[in-house]
Amino acid sequence: MCISIKGRNAKENDFLKIGQFHTFEIELETRLTIIKEEWALYEINLLKQISQDEDGVEIAAMVME
């Protein structure tokens, strides 16, 4: 079981030009690290909220610009 993450490339690299689409898959139980230079307070609070297990949520999604 996995989740597919799709989006548009915002910064050119060796593999994609700006504006090209990318897709990658994350398998169940895989740790994901998101690196972002600046985080808005609402983004940090949303990540904290969806990472808590107390609500019994099995899946969460966060959409960012």
N, C-alpha and C. Protein backbone atom coordinates (compact mmCIF):
# COMPACT_ATOMS: atom_id res chain seq x y z
N MET A 1 0.84 -1.17 0.00
CA MET A 1 0.00 0.00 0.00
C MET A 1 0.89 1.24 0.00
N CYS A 2 0.52 2.26 -0.79
CA CYS A 2 1.33 3.46 -0.86
C CYS A 2 0.44 4.66 -1.18
N ILE A 3 1.05 5.83 -1.05
CA ILE A 3 0.37 7.07 -1.40
C ILE A 3 1.20 7.74 -2.49
N SER A 4 0.53 8.26 -3.50
CA SER A 4 1.21 8.97 -4.58
C SER A 4 1.14 10.47 -4.32
N ILE A 5 2.27 11.12 -4.45
CA ILE A 5 2.34 12.57 -4.27
C ILE A 5 2.67 13.18 -5.62
N LYS A 6 1.81 14.08 -6.05
CA LYS A 6 1.96 14.69 -7.37
C LYS A 6 2.03 16.21 -7.21
N GLY A 7 2.74 16.85 -8.10
CA GLY A 7 2.82 18.30 -8.03
C GLY A 7 3.59 18.88 -9.20
N ARG A 8 3.77 20.17 -9.15
CA ARG A 8 4.53 20.89 -10.17
C ARG A 8 5.85 21.33 -9.59
N ASN A 9 6.89 21.20 -10.36
CA ASN A 9 8.21 21.56 -9.91
C ASN A 9 8.34 23.09 -9.84
N ALA A 10 8.77 23.58 -8.67
CA ALA A 10 8.89 25.03 -8.46
C ALA A 10 10.33 25.51 -8.61
N LYS A 11 11.27 24.58 -8.62
CA LYS A 11 12.68 24.94 -8.73
C LYS A 11 13.36 23.97 -9.69
N GLU A 12 14.04 24.51 -10.68
CA GLU A 12 14.68 23.65 -11.68
C GLU A 12 15.81 22.83 -11.06
N ASN A 13 15.92 21.58 -11.51
CA ASN A 13 17.01 20.72 -11.05
C ASN A 13 17.50 19.88 -12.24
N ASP A 14 18.36 18.91 -11.97
CA ASP A 14 18.92 18.08 -13.05
C ASP A 14 17.89 17.20 -13.74
N PHE A 15 16.74 17.00 -13.09
CA PHE A 15 15.75 16.06 -13.61
C PHE A 15 14.51 16.74 -14.19
N LEU A 16 14.14 17.90 -13.65
CA LEU A 16 12.91 18.58 -14.07
C LEU A 16 13.15 20.07 -14.27
N LYS A 17 12.45 20.62 -15.23
CA LYS A 17 12.46 22.07 -15.43
C LYS A 17 11.32 22.67 -14.61
N ILE A 18 11.35 23.97 -14.42
CA ILE A 18 10.29 24.65 -13.69
C ILE A 18 8.96 24.43 -14.41
N GLY A 19 7.93 24.08 -13.64
CA GLY A 19 6.60 23.89 -14.20
C GLY A 19 6.28 22.47 -14.62
N GLN A 20 7.28 21.61 -14.76
CA GLN A 20 7.01 20.21 -15.11
C GLN A 20 6.39 19.50 -13.91
N PHE A 21 5.60 18.49 -14.20
CA PHE A 21 4.95 17.72 -13.14
C PHE A 21 5.86 16.61 -12.63
N HIS A 22 5.71 16.29 -11.37
CA HIS A 22 6.46 15.18 -10.76
C HIS A 22 5.48 14.31 -9.98
N THR A 23 5.84 13.06 -9.82
CA THR A 23 5.05 12.12 -9.02
C THR A 23 6.02 11.19 -8.32
N PHE A 24 5.78 10.95 -7.03
CA PHE A 24 6.53 9.91 -6.35
C PHE A 24 5.62 9.22 -5.35
N GLU A 25 5.99 8.02 -4.99
CA GLU A 25 5.16 7.20 -4.11
C GLU A 25 5.87 6.95 -2.79
N ILE A 26 5.10 6.96 -1.72
CA ILE A 26 5.62 6.67 -0.39
C ILE A 26 4.89 5.44 0.11
N GLU A 27 5.64 4.42 0.44
CA GLU A 27 5.04 3.19 0.94
C GLU A 27 4.63 3.33 2.40
N LEU A 28 3.67 2.52 2.81
CA LEU A 28 3.19 2.49 4.18
C LEU A 28 4.34 2.29 5.14
N GLU A 29 4.33 3.00 6.24
CA GLU A 29 5.35 2.92 7.30
C GLU A 29 6.69 3.54 6.90
N THR A 30 6.72 4.33 5.82
CA THR A 30 7.95 5.00 5.41
C THR A 30 8.00 6.38 6.04
N ARG A 31 9.11 6.71 6.64
CA ARG A 31 9.27 8.03 7.24
C ARG A 31 9.51 9.06 6.14
N LEU A 32 8.83 10.20 6.24
CA LEU A 32 8.95 11.26 5.26
C LEU A 32 9.43 12.52 5.96
N THR A 33 10.47 13.13 5.43
CA THR A 33 10.99 14.38 5.97
C THR A 33 10.76 15.48 4.94
N ILE A 34 10.11 16.57 5.37
CA ILE A 34 9.86 17.71 4.49
C ILE A 34 10.80 18.83 4.91
N ILE A 35 11.58 19.32 3.97
CA ILE A 35 12.50 20.41 4.27
C ILE A 35 11.99 21.66 3.57
N LYS A 36 11.77 22.69 4.37
CA LYS A 36 11.27 23.95 3.84
C LYS A 36 11.95 25.06 4.64
N GLU A 37 12.48 26.06 3.96
CA GLU A 37 13.25 27.10 4.64
C GLU A 37 12.41 27.94 5.60
N GLU A 38 11.20 28.29 5.21
CA GLU A 38 10.35 29.11 6.06
C GLU A 38 8.97 28.45 6.18
N TRP A 39 8.49 28.35 7.41
CA TRP A 39 7.18 27.76 7.68
C TRP A 39 6.28 28.82 8.31
N ALA A 40 5.08 28.92 7.81
CA ALA A 40 4.08 29.78 8.43
C ALA A 40 3.56 29.08 9.69
N LEU A 41 3.14 29.85 10.66
CA LEU A 41 2.66 29.28 11.92
C LEU A 41 1.49 28.34 11.70
N TYR A 42 0.57 28.69 10.79
CA TYR A 42 -0.58 27.82 10.55
C TYR A 42 -0.14 26.48 9.95
N GLU A 43 0.94 26.47 9.14
CA GLU A 43 1.45 25.21 8.59
C GLU A 43 2.03 24.32 9.69
N ILE A 44 2.78 24.92 10.59
CA ILE A 44 3.35 24.17 11.71
C ILE A 44 2.24 23.59 12.58
N ASN A 45 1.24 24.41 12.88
CA ASN A 45 0.12 23.94 13.72
C ASN A 45 -0.66 22.83 13.03
N LEU A 46 -0.84 22.93 11.72
CA LEU A 46 -1.56 21.89 10.98
C LEU A 46 -0.78 20.58 11.01
N LEU A 47 0.53 20.63 10.81
CA LEU A 47 1.35 19.42 10.88
C LEU A 47 1.29 18.79 12.27
N LYS A 48 1.34 19.60 13.30
CA LYS A 48 1.23 19.06 14.66
C LYS A 48 -0.12 18.40 14.88
N GLN A 49 -1.17 19.05 14.38
CA GLN A 49 -2.52 18.53 14.55
C GLN A 49 -2.72 17.18 13.85
N ILE A 50 -2.26 17.06 12.60
CA ILE A 50 -2.49 15.81 11.87
C ILE A 50 -1.54 14.70 12.30
N SER A 51 -0.49 15.05 13.05
CA SER A 51 0.44 14.01 13.49
C SER A 51 0.06 13.39 14.83
N GLN A 52 -0.99 13.90 15.48
CA GLN A 52 -1.43 13.35 16.75
C GLN A 52 -2.31 12.12 16.51
N ASP A 53 -2.07 11.08 17.27
CA ASP A 53 -2.82 9.83 17.10
C ASP A 53 -4.10 9.79 17.92
N GLU A 54 -4.33 10.74 18.78
CA GLU A 54 -5.45 10.66 19.72
C GLU A 54 -6.82 10.66 19.05
N ASP A 55 -6.93 11.19 17.83
CA ASP A 55 -8.21 11.21 17.14
C ASP A 55 -8.50 9.92 16.39
N GLY A 56 -7.53 9.01 16.32
CA GLY A 56 -7.73 7.75 15.63
C GLY A 56 -7.76 7.88 14.12
N VAL A 57 -7.19 8.94 13.58
CA VAL A 57 -7.16 9.14 12.13
C VAL A 57 -6.12 8.22 11.52
N GLU A 58 -6.51 7.50 10.48
CA GLU A 58 -5.59 6.59 9.83
C GLU A 58 -4.89 7.22 8.64
N ILE A 59 -5.45 8.28 8.10
CA ILE A 59 -4.84 8.93 6.94
C ILE A 59 -5.08 10.42 7.04
N ALA A 60 -4.12 11.20 6.58
CA ALA A 60 -4.24 12.66 6.59
C ALA A 60 -3.62 13.20 5.32
N ALA A 61 -4.08 14.34 4.91
CA ALA A 61 -3.52 14.99 3.73
C ALA A 61 -3.30 16.46 4.01
N MET A 62 -2.22 16.98 3.49
CA MET A 62 -1.91 18.39 3.62
C MET A 62 -1.53 18.91 2.26
N VAL A 63 -2.19 19.95 1.80
CA VAL A 63 -1.91 20.53 0.51
C VAL A 63 -1.23 21.87 0.73
N MET A 64 -0.08 22.06 0.08
CA MET A 64 0.69 23.29 0.25
C MET A 64 0.96 23.90 -1.11
N GLU A 65 1.16 25.20 -1.12
CA GLU A 65 1.49 25.89 -2.37
C GLU A 65 2.89 25.55 -2.80
